[in-house]
Amino acid sequence: MAKTQLGARVDEDIADLAKKRAADLGLSVGDYLARLVQDDASGLRARAVEAAGRFLAEHQAIFDEAEEGAEGAGQGQAAGGARAA
């Protein structure tokens, strides 16, 4: 397939991030961007976001419990290290 050159202006931190992610995946920046566009156009990204949302909705109580436990542990230590039994 013939390649077409595109030009885009992005913030320097976005460009650096794109270069780093491409390198992490062993891809050129162009191939990395092409993959992102293909994933977006195929709906893969949307399906992944929906799946993450469903996972969080199904397990939110567990996350809430863990967060409350972590907050409670931090408060017990702040009060002289004594914990309620």
PDB file of N, CA and C in Angstrom:
ATOM      1  N   MET A   1       0.843  -1.172   0.000  1.00  0.00           N
ATOM      2  CA  MET A   1       0.000   0.000   0.000  1.00  0.00           C
ATOM      3  C   MET A   1       0.890   1.237   0.000  1.00  0.00           C
ATOM      4  N   ALA A   2       0.548   2.210  -0.820  1.00  0.00           N
ATOM      5  CA  ALA A   2       1.320   3.451  -0.909  1.00  0.00           C
ATOM      6  C   ALA A   2       1.176   4.242   0.388  1.00  0.00           C
ATOM      7  N   LYS A   3       2.238   4.909   0.759  1.00  0.00           N
ATOM      8  CA  LYS A   3       2.233   5.720   1.983  1.00  0.00           C
ATOM      9  C   LYS A   3       2.063   7.176   1.607  1.00  0.00           C
ATOM     10  N   THR A   4       1.335   7.914   2.432  1.00  0.00           N
ATOM     11  CA  THR A   4       1.132   9.341   2.272  1.00  0.00           C
ATOM     12  C   THR A   4       1.693  10.036   3.492  1.00  0.00           C
ATOM     13  N   GLN A   5       2.393  11.107   3.275  1.00  0.00           N
ATOM     14  CA  GLN A   5       2.971  11.856   4.383  1.00  0.00           C
ATOM     15  C   GLN A   5       1.958  12.849   4.918  1.00  0.00           C
ATOM     16  N   LEU A   6       1.806  12.875   6.221  1.00  0.00           N
ATOM     17  CA  LEU A   6       0.929  13.816   6.894  1.00  0.00           C
ATOM     18  C   LEU A   6       1.770  14.739   7.762  1.00  0.00           C
ATOM     19  N   GLY A   7       1.279  15.914   7.991  1.00  0.00           N
ATOM     20  CA  GLY A   7       1.942  16.837   8.911  1.00  0.00           C
ATOM     21  C   GLY A   7       0.938  17.280   9.950  1.00  0.00           C
ATOM     22  N   ALA A   8       1.364  17.362  11.183  1.00  0.00           N
ATOM     23  CA  ALA A   8       0.470  17.789  12.249  1.00  0.00           C
ATOM     24  C   ALA A   8       1.278  18.545  13.291  1.00  0.00           C
ATOM     25  N   ARG A   9       0.661  19.537  13.877  1.00  0.00           N
ATOM     26  CA  ARG A   9       1.301  20.285  14.962  1.00  0.00           C
ATOM     27  C   ARG A   9       0.668  19.843  16.274  1.00  0.00           C
ATOM     28  N   VAL A  10       1.520  19.410  17.197  1.00  0.00           N
ATOM     29  CA  VAL A  10       1.062  19.004  18.521  1.00  0.00           C
ATOM     30  C   VAL A  10       2.000  19.602  19.552  1.00  0.00           C
ATOM     31  N   ASP A  11       1.525  19.675  20.783  1.00  0.00           N
ATOM     32  CA  ASP A  11       2.386  20.151  21.863  1.00  0.00           C
ATOM     33  C   ASP A  11       3.609  19.248  21.986  1.00  0.00           C
ATOM     34  N   GLU A  12       4.699  19.824  22.448  1.00  0.00           N
ATOM     35  CA  GLU A  12       5.956  19.074  22.548  1.00  0.00           C
ATOM     36  C   GLU A  12       5.813  17.851  23.449  1.00  0.00           C
ATOM     37  N   ASP A  13       5.060  17.978  24.546  1.00  0.00           N
ATOM     38  CA  ASP A  13       4.911  16.827  25.440  1.00  0.00           C
ATOM     39  C   ASP A  13       4.127  15.698  24.777  1.00  0.00           C
ATOM     40  N   ILE A  14       3.188  16.036  23.907  1.00  0.00           N
ATOM     41  CA  ILE A  14       2.443  15.003  23.170  1.00  0.00           C
ATOM     42  C   ILE A  14       3.367  14.314  22.164  1.00  0.00           C
ATOM     43  N   ALA A  15       4.186  15.106  21.479  1.00  0.00           N
ATOM     44  CA  ALA A  15       5.131  14.529  20.518  1.00  0.00           C
ATOM     45  C   ALA A  15       6.106  13.593  21.229  1.00  0.00           C
ATOM     46  N   ASP A  16       6.619  14.028  22.378  1.00  0.00           N
ATOM     47  CA  ASP A  16       7.551  13.189  23.138  1.00  0.00           C
ATOM     48  C   ASP A  16       6.876  11.903  23.591  1.00  0.00           C
ATOM     49  N   LEU A  17       5.638  12.019  24.046  1.00  0.00           N
ATOM     50  CA  LEU A  17       4.903  10.840  24.491  1.00  0.00           C
ATOM     51  C   LEU A  17       4.659   9.868  23.338  1.00  0.00           C
ATOM     52  N   ALA A  18       4.295  10.399  22.179  1.00  0.00           N
ATOM     53  CA  ALA A  18       4.073   9.550  21.002  1.00  0.00           C
ATOM     54  C   ALA A  18       5.359   8.814  20.622  1.00  0.00           C
ATOM     55  N   LYS A  19       6.475   9.526  20.642  1.00  0.00           N
ATOM     56  CA  LYS A  19       7.759   8.900  20.308  1.00  0.00           C
ATOM     57  C   LYS A  19       8.116   7.801  21.305  1.00  0.00           C
ATOM     58  N   LYS A  20       7.882   8.080  22.601  1.00  0.00           N
ATOM     59  CA  LYS A  20       8.211   7.093  23.629  1.00  0.00           C
ATOM     60  C   LYS A  20       7.329   5.855  23.504  1.00  0.00           C
ATOM     61  N   ARG A  21       6.033   6.052  23.326  1.00  0.00           N
ATOM     62  CA  ARG A  21       5.121   4.906  23.206  1.00  0.00           C
ATOM     63  C   ARG A  21       5.439   4.092  21.958  1.00  0.00           C
ATOM     64  N   ALA A  22       5.740   4.776  20.855  1.00  0.00           N
ATOM     65  CA  ALA A  22       6.099   4.066  19.624  1.00  0.00           C
ATOM     66  C   ALA A  22       7.352   3.219  19.861  1.00  0.00           C
ATOM     67  N   ALA A  23       8.352   3.812  20.496  1.00  0.00           N
ATOM     68  CA  ALA A  23       9.593   3.081  20.780  1.00  0.00           C
ATOM     69  C   ALA A  23       9.323   1.894  21.700  1.00  0.00           C
ATOM     70  N   ASP A  24       8.481   2.102  22.723  1.00  0.00           N
ATOM     71  CA  ASP A  24       8.143   1.015  23.652  1.00  0.00           C
ATOM     72  C   ASP A  24       7.515  -0.169  22.919  1.00  0.00           C
ATOM     73  N   LEU A  25       6.757   0.138  21.868  1.00  0.00           N
ATOM     74  CA  LEU A  25       6.077  -0.908  21.104  1.00  0.00           C
ATOM     75  C   LEU A  25       6.897  -1.409  19.920  1.00  0.00           C
ATOM     76  N   GLY A  26       8.084  -0.832  19.732  1.00  0.00           N
ATOM     77  CA  GLY A  26       8.932  -1.238  18.612  1.00  0.00           C
ATOM     78  C   GLY A  26       8.398  -0.765  17.269  1.00  0.00           C
ATOM     79  N   LEU A  27       7.694   0.362  17.264  1.00  0.00           N
ATOM     80  CA  LEU A  27       7.100   0.892  16.046  1.00  0.00           C
ATOM     81  C   LEU A  27       7.687   2.249  15.712  1.00  0.00           C
ATOM     82  N   SER A  28       7.589   2.619  14.452  1.00  0.00           N
ATOM     83  CA  SER A  28       7.895   3.997  14.080  1.00  0.00           C
ATOM     84  C   SER A  28       6.724   4.855  14.558  1.00  0.00           C
ATOM     85  N   VAL A  29       6.942   6.154  14.671  1.00  0.00           N
ATOM     86  CA  VAL A  29       5.859   7.045  15.076  1.00  0.00           C
ATOM     87  C   VAL A  29       4.714   6.953  14.073  1.00  0.00           C
ATOM     88  N   GLY A  30       5.036   6.895  12.783  1.00  0.00           N
ATOM     89  CA  GLY A  30       4.003   6.775  11.759  1.00  0.00           C
ATOM     90  C   GLY A  30       3.176   5.517  11.909  1.00  0.00           C
ATOM     91  N   ASP A  31       3.846   4.384  12.163  1.00  0.00           N
ATOM     92  CA  ASP A  31       3.121   3.123  12.342  1.00  0.00           C
ATOM     93  C   ASP A  31       2.283   3.145  13.625  1.00  0.00           C
ATOM     94  N   TYR A  32       2.822   3.785  14.667  1.00  0.00           N
ATOM     95  CA  TYR A  32       2.083   3.908  15.922  1.00  0.00           C
ATOM     96  C   TYR A  32       0.813   4.734  15.709  1.00  0.00           C
ATOM     97  N   LEU A  33       0.937   5.861  15.025  1.00  0.00           N
ATOM     98  CA  LEU A  33      -0.230   6.704  14.753  1.00  0.00           C
ATOM     99  C   LEU A  33      -1.237   5.974  13.868  1.00  0.00           C
ATOM    100  N   ALA A  34      -0.746   5.227  12.894  1.00  0.00           N
ATOM    101  CA  ALA A  34      -1.643   4.452  12.033  1.00  0.00           C
ATOM    102  C   ALA A  34      -2.421   3.430  12.853  1.00  0.00           C
ATOM    103  N   ARG A  35      -1.748   2.789  13.798  1.00  0.00           N
ATOM    104  CA  ARG A  35      -2.420   1.804  14.658  1.00  0.00           C
ATOM    105  C   ARG A  35      -3.500   2.485  15.500  1.00  0.00           C
ATOM    106  N   LEU A  36      -3.185   3.655  16.055  1.00  0.00           N
ATOM    107  CA  LEU A  36      -4.175   4.379  16.850  1.00  0.00           C
ATOM    108  C   LEU A  36      -5.410   4.719  16.027  1.00  0.00           C
ATOM    109  N   VAL A  37      -5.186   5.185  14.805  1.00  0.00           N
ATOM    110  CA  VAL A  37      -6.307   5.545  13.938  1.00  0.00           C
ATOM    111  C   VAL A  37      -7.120   4.310  13.583  1.00  0.00           C
ATOM    112  N   GLN A  38      -6.456   3.209  13.254  1.00  0.00           N
ATOM    113  CA  GLN A  38      -7.169   1.972  12.916  1.00  0.00           C
ATOM    114  C   GLN A  38      -7.984   1.473  14.106  1.00  0.00           C
ATOM    115  N   ASP A  39      -7.395   1.503  15.300  1.00  0.00           N
ATOM    116  CA  ASP A  39      -8.114   1.067  16.503  1.00  0.00           C
ATOM    117  C   ASP A  39      -9.335   1.945  16.750  1.00  0.00           C
ATOM    118  N   ASP A  40      -9.160   3.253  16.571  1.00  0.00           N
ATOM    119  CA  ASP A  40     -10.264   4.183  16.776  1.00  0.00           C
ATOM    120  C   ASP A  40     -11.360   3.952  15.735  1.00  0.00           C
ATOM    121  N   ALA A  41     -10.969   3.820  14.490  1.00  0.00           N
ATOM    122  CA  ALA A  41     -11.941   3.660  13.406  1.00  0.00           C
ATOM    123  C   ALA A  41     -12.674   2.322  13.498  1.00  0.00           C
ATOM    124  N   SER A  42     -12.016   1.297  13.998  1.00  0.00           N
ATOM    125  CA  SER A  42     -12.646  -0.025  14.101  1.00  0.00           C
ATOM    126  C   SER A  42     -13.549  -0.135  15.322  1.00  0.00           C
ATOM    127  N   GLY A  43     -13.508   0.868  16.197  1.00  0.00           N
ATOM    128  CA  GLY A  43     -14.318   0.823  17.408  1.00  0.00           C
ATOM    129  C   GLY A  43     -13.630   0.119  18.561  1.00  0.00           C
ATOM    130  N   LEU A  44     -12.395  -0.337  18.376  1.00  0.00           N
ATOM    131  CA  LEU A  44     -11.685  -1.054  19.429  1.00  0.00           C
ATOM    132  C   LEU A  44     -11.546  -0.200  20.683  1.00  0.00           C
ATOM    133  N   ARG A  45     -11.172   1.056  20.516  1.00  0.00           N
ATOM    134  CA  ARG A  45     -10.996   1.933  21.673  1.00  0.00           C
ATOM    135  C   ARG A  45     -12.319   2.104  22.413  1.00  0.00           C
ATOM    136  N   ALA A  46     -13.393   2.347  21.678  1.00  0.00           N
ATOM    137  CA  ALA A  46     -14.701   2.535  22.310  1.00  0.00           C
ATOM    138  C   ALA A  46     -15.120   1.284  23.076  1.00  0.00           C
ATOM    139  N   ARG A  47     -14.883   0.116  22.487  1.00  0.00           N
ATOM    140  CA  ARG A  47     -15.244  -1.131  23.169  1.00  0.00           C
ATOM    141  C   ARG A  47     -14.411  -1.319  24.433  1.00  0.00           C
ATOM    142  N   ALA A  48     -13.141  -0.949  24.391  1.00  0.00           N
ATOM    143  CA  ALA A  48     -12.281  -1.080  25.570  1.00  0.00           C
ATOM    144  C   ALA A  48     -12.740  -0.143  26.684  1.00  0.00           C
ATOM    145  N   VAL A  49     -13.105   1.081  26.327  1.00  0.00           N
ATOM    146  CA  VAL A  49     -13.591   2.044  27.325  1.00  0.00           C
ATOM    147  C   VAL A  49     -14.905   1.552  27.930  1.00  0.00           C
ATOM    148  N   GLU A  50     -15.793   1.027  27.102  1.00  0.00           N
ATOM    149  CA  GLU A  50     -17.061   0.479  27.606  1.00  0.00           C
ATOM    150  C   GLU A  50     -16.813  -0.696  28.552  1.00  0.00           C
ATOM    151  N   ALA A  51     -15.892  -1.563  28.185  1.00  0.00           N
ATOM    152  CA  ALA A  51     -15.579  -2.722  29.034  1.00  0.00           C
ATOM    153  C   ALA A  51     -15.006  -2.265  30.373  1.00  0.00           C
ATOM    154  N   ALA A  52     -14.140  -1.271  30.350  1.00  0.00           N
ATOM    155  CA  ALA A  52     -13.582  -0.742  31.594  1.00  0.00           C
ATOM    156  C   ALA A  52     -14.682  -0.141  32.456  1.00  0.00           C
ATOM    157  N   GLY A  53     -15.614   0.566  31.837  1.00  0.00           N
ATOM    158  CA  GLY A  53     -16.737   1.139  32.572  1.00  0.00           C
ATOM    159  C   GLY A  53     -17.598   0.072  33.227  1.00  0.00           C
ATOM    160  N   ARG A  54     -17.864  -0.999  32.481  1.00  0.00           N
ATOM    161  CA  ARG A  54     -18.658  -2.106  33.041  1.00  0.00           C
ATOM    162  C   ARG A  54     -17.921  -2.762  34.206  1.00  0.00           C
ATOM    163  N   PHE A  55     -16.628  -2.957  34.050  1.00  0.00           N
ATOM    164  CA  PHE A  55     -15.829  -3.569  35.116  1.00  0.00           C
ATOM    165  C   PHE A  55     -15.894  -2.727  36.381  1.00  0.00           C
ATOM    166  N   LEU A  56     -15.692  -1.412  36.230  1.00  0.00           N
ATOM    167  CA  LEU A  56     -15.736  -0.537  37.394  1.00  0.00           C
ATOM    168  C   LEU A  56     -17.120  -0.530  38.040  1.00  0.00           C
ATOM    169  N   ALA A  57     -18.169  -0.505  37.208  1.00  0.00           N
ATOM    170  CA  ALA A  57     -19.524  -0.505  37.740  1.00  0.00           C
ATOM    171  C   ALA A  57     -19.801  -1.785  38.530  1.00  0.00           C
ATOM    172  N   GLU A  58     -19.336  -2.907  38.016  1.00  0.00           N
ATOM    173  CA  GLU A  58     -19.573  -4.193  38.672  1.00  0.00           C
ATOM    174  C   GLU A  58     -18.784  -4.341  39.962  1.00  0.00           C
ATOM    175  N   HIS A  59     -17.611  -3.721  40.032  1.00  0.00           N
ATOM    176  CA  HIS A  59     -16.716  -3.935  41.180  1.00  0.00           C
ATOM    177  C   HIS A  59     -16.481  -2.682  42.009  1.00  0.00           C
ATOM    178  N   GLN A  60     -17.303  -1.658  41.828  1.00  0.00           N
ATOM    179  CA  GLN A  60     -17.090  -0.398  42.528  1.00  0.00           C
ATOM    180  C   GLN A  60     -17.086  -0.580  44.043  1.00  0.00           C
ATOM    181  N   ALA A  61     -17.950  -1.442  44.553  1.00  0.00           N
ATOM    182  CA  ALA A  61     -18.025  -1.656  46.007  1.00  0.00           C
ATOM    183  C   ALA A  61     -16.687  -2.147  46.562  1.00  0.00           C
ATOM    184  N   ILE A  62     -16.003  -2.997  45.830  1.00  0.00           N
ATOM    185  CA  ILE A  62     -14.708  -3.517  46.284  1.00  0.00           C
ATOM    186  C   ILE A  62     -13.687  -2.384  46.345  1.00  0.00           C
ATOM    187  N   PHE A  63     -13.690  -1.536  45.315  1.00  0.00           N
ATOM    188  CA  PHE A  63     -12.762  -0.406  45.312  1.00  0.00           C
ATOM    189  C   PHE A  63     -13.080   0.563  46.455  1.00  0.00           C
ATOM    190  N   ASP A  64     -14.365   0.803  46.687  1.00  0.00           N
ATOM    191  CA  ASP A  64     -14.771   1.691  47.778  1.00  0.00           C
ATOM    192  C   ASP A  64     -14.321   1.140  49.125  1.00  0.00           C
ATOM    193  N   GLU A  65     -14.515  -0.161  49.321  1.00  0.00           N
ATOM    194  CA  GLU A  65     -14.108  -0.816  50.566  1.00  0.00           C
ATOM    195  C   GLU A  65     -12.609  -0.683  50.792  1.00  0.00           C
ATOM    196  N   ALA A  66     -11.835  -0.946  49.755  1.00  0.00           N
ATOM    197  CA  ALA A  66     -10.380  -0.864  49.864  1.00  0.00           C
ATOM    198  C   ALA A  66      -9.945   0.567  50.173  1.00  0.00           C
ATOM    199  N   GLU A  67     -10.584   1.528  49.534  1.00  0.00           N
ATOM    200  CA  GLU A  67     -10.234   2.919  49.772  1.00  0.00           C
ATOM    201  C   GLU A  67     -10.576   3.338  51.199  1.00  0.00           C
ATOM    202  N   GLU A  68     -11.743   2.920  51.680  1.00  0.00           N
ATOM    203  CA  GLU A  68     -12.136   3.237  53.052  1.00  0.00           C
ATOM    204  C   GLU A  68     -11.181   2.589  54.047  1.00  0.00           C
ATOM    205  N   GLY A  69     -10.777   1.362  53.773  1.00  0.00           N
ATOM    206  CA  GLY A  69      -9.830   0.684  54.650  1.00  0.00           C
ATOM    207  C   GLY A  69      -8.492   1.377  54.689  1.00  0.00           C
ATOM    208  N   ALA A  70      -8.038   1.850  53.535  1.00  0.00           N
ATOM    209  CA  ALA A  70      -6.758   2.562  53.475  1.00  0.00           C
ATOM    210  C   ALA A  70      -6.842   3.880  54.216  1.00  0.00           C
ATOM    211  N   GLU A  71      -7.969   4.578  54.077  1.00  0.00           N
ATOM    212  CA  GLU A  71      -8.145   5.848  54.785  1.00  0.00           C
ATOM    213  C   GLU A  71      -8.219   5.619  56.285  1.00  0.00           C
ATOM    214  N   GLY A  72      -8.922   4.581  56.697  1.00  0.00           N
ATOM    215  CA  GLY A  72      -9.045   4.271  58.116  1.00  0.00           C
ATOM    216  C   GLY A  72      -7.715   3.891  58.731  1.00  0.00           C
ATOM    217  N   ALA A  73      -6.902   3.143  57.992  1.00  0.00           N
ATOM    218  CA  ALA A  73      -5.585   2.748  58.489  1.00  0.00           C
ATOM    219  C   ALA A  73      -4.699   3.970  58.660  1.00  0.00           C
ATOM    220  N   GLY A  74      -4.793   4.898  57.744  1.00  0.00           N
ATOM    221  CA  GLY A  74      -4.000   6.117  57.832  1.00  0.00           C
ATOM    222  C   GLY A  74      -4.412   6.977  59.005  1.00  0.00           C
ATOM    223  N   GLN A  75      -5.706   7.033  59.320  1.00  0.00           N
ATOM    224  CA  GLN A  75      -6.191   7.833  60.429  1.00  0.00           C
ATOM    225  C   GLN A  75      -5.797   7.211  61.760  1.00  0.00           C
ATOM    226  N   GLY A  76      -5.829   5.887  61.833  1.00  0.00           N
ATOM    227  CA  GLY A  76      -5.455   5.204  63.072  1.00  0.00           C
ATOM    228  C   GLY A  76      -4.000   5.429  63.413  1.00  0.00           C
ATOM    229  N   GLN A  77      -3.149   5.459  62.415  1.00  0.00           N
ATOM    230  CA  GLN A  77      -1.736   5.676  62.641  1.00  0.00           C
ATOM    231  C   GLN A  77      -1.463   7.129  63.015  1.00  0.00           C
ATOM    232  N   ALA A  78      -2.261   8.042  62.476  1.00  0.00           N
ATOM    233  CA  ALA A  78      -2.059   9.455  62.772  1.00  0.00           C
ATOM    234  C   ALA A  78      -2.390   9.751  64.219  1.00  0.00           C
ATOM    235  N   ALA A  79      -3.233   8.957  64.845  1.00  0.00           N
ATOM    236  CA  ALA A  79      -3.633   9.187  66.240  1.00  0.00           C
ATOM    237  C   ALA A  79      -2.719   8.410  67.170  1.00  0.00           C
ATOM    238  N   GLY A  80      -1.423   8.589  67.039  1.00  0.00           N
ATOM    239  CA  GLY A  80      -0.478   7.965  67.952  1.00  0.00           C
ATOM    240  C   GLY A  80      -0.225   6.497  67.656  1.00  0.00           C
ATOM    241  N   GLY A  81      -0.649   6.018  66.510  1.00  0.00           N
ATOM    242  CA  GLY A  81      -0.374   4.650  66.139  1.00  0.00           C
ATOM    243  C   GLY A  81      -1.342   3.658  66.737  1.00  0.00           C
ATOM    244  N   ALA A  82      -2.278   4.116  67.573  1.00  0.00           N
ATOM    245  CA  ALA A  82      -3.238   3.198  68.188  1.00  0.00           C
ATOM    246  C   ALA A  82      -4.363   2.926  67.199  1.00  0.00           C
ATOM    247  N   ARG A  83      -4.797   1.680  67.157  1.00  0.00           N
ATOM    248  CA  ARG A  83      -5.889   1.285  66.282  1.00  0.00           C
ATOM    249  C   ARG A  83      -7.038   0.740  67.133  1.00  0.00           C
ATOM    250  N   ALA A  84      -8.236   0.987  66.673  1.00  0.00           N
ATOM    251  CA  ALA A  84      -9.399   0.413  67.358  1.00  0.00           C
ATOM    252  C   ALA A  84      -9.491  -1.069  67.040  1.00  0.00           C
ATOM    253  N   ALA A  85      -9.876  -1.866  68.019  1.00  0.00           N
ATOM    254  CA  ALA A  85      -9.970  -3.306  67.822  1.00  0.00           C
ATOM    255  C   ALA A  85     -11.291  -3.714  67.239  1.00  0.00           C
TER     256      ALA A  85
END
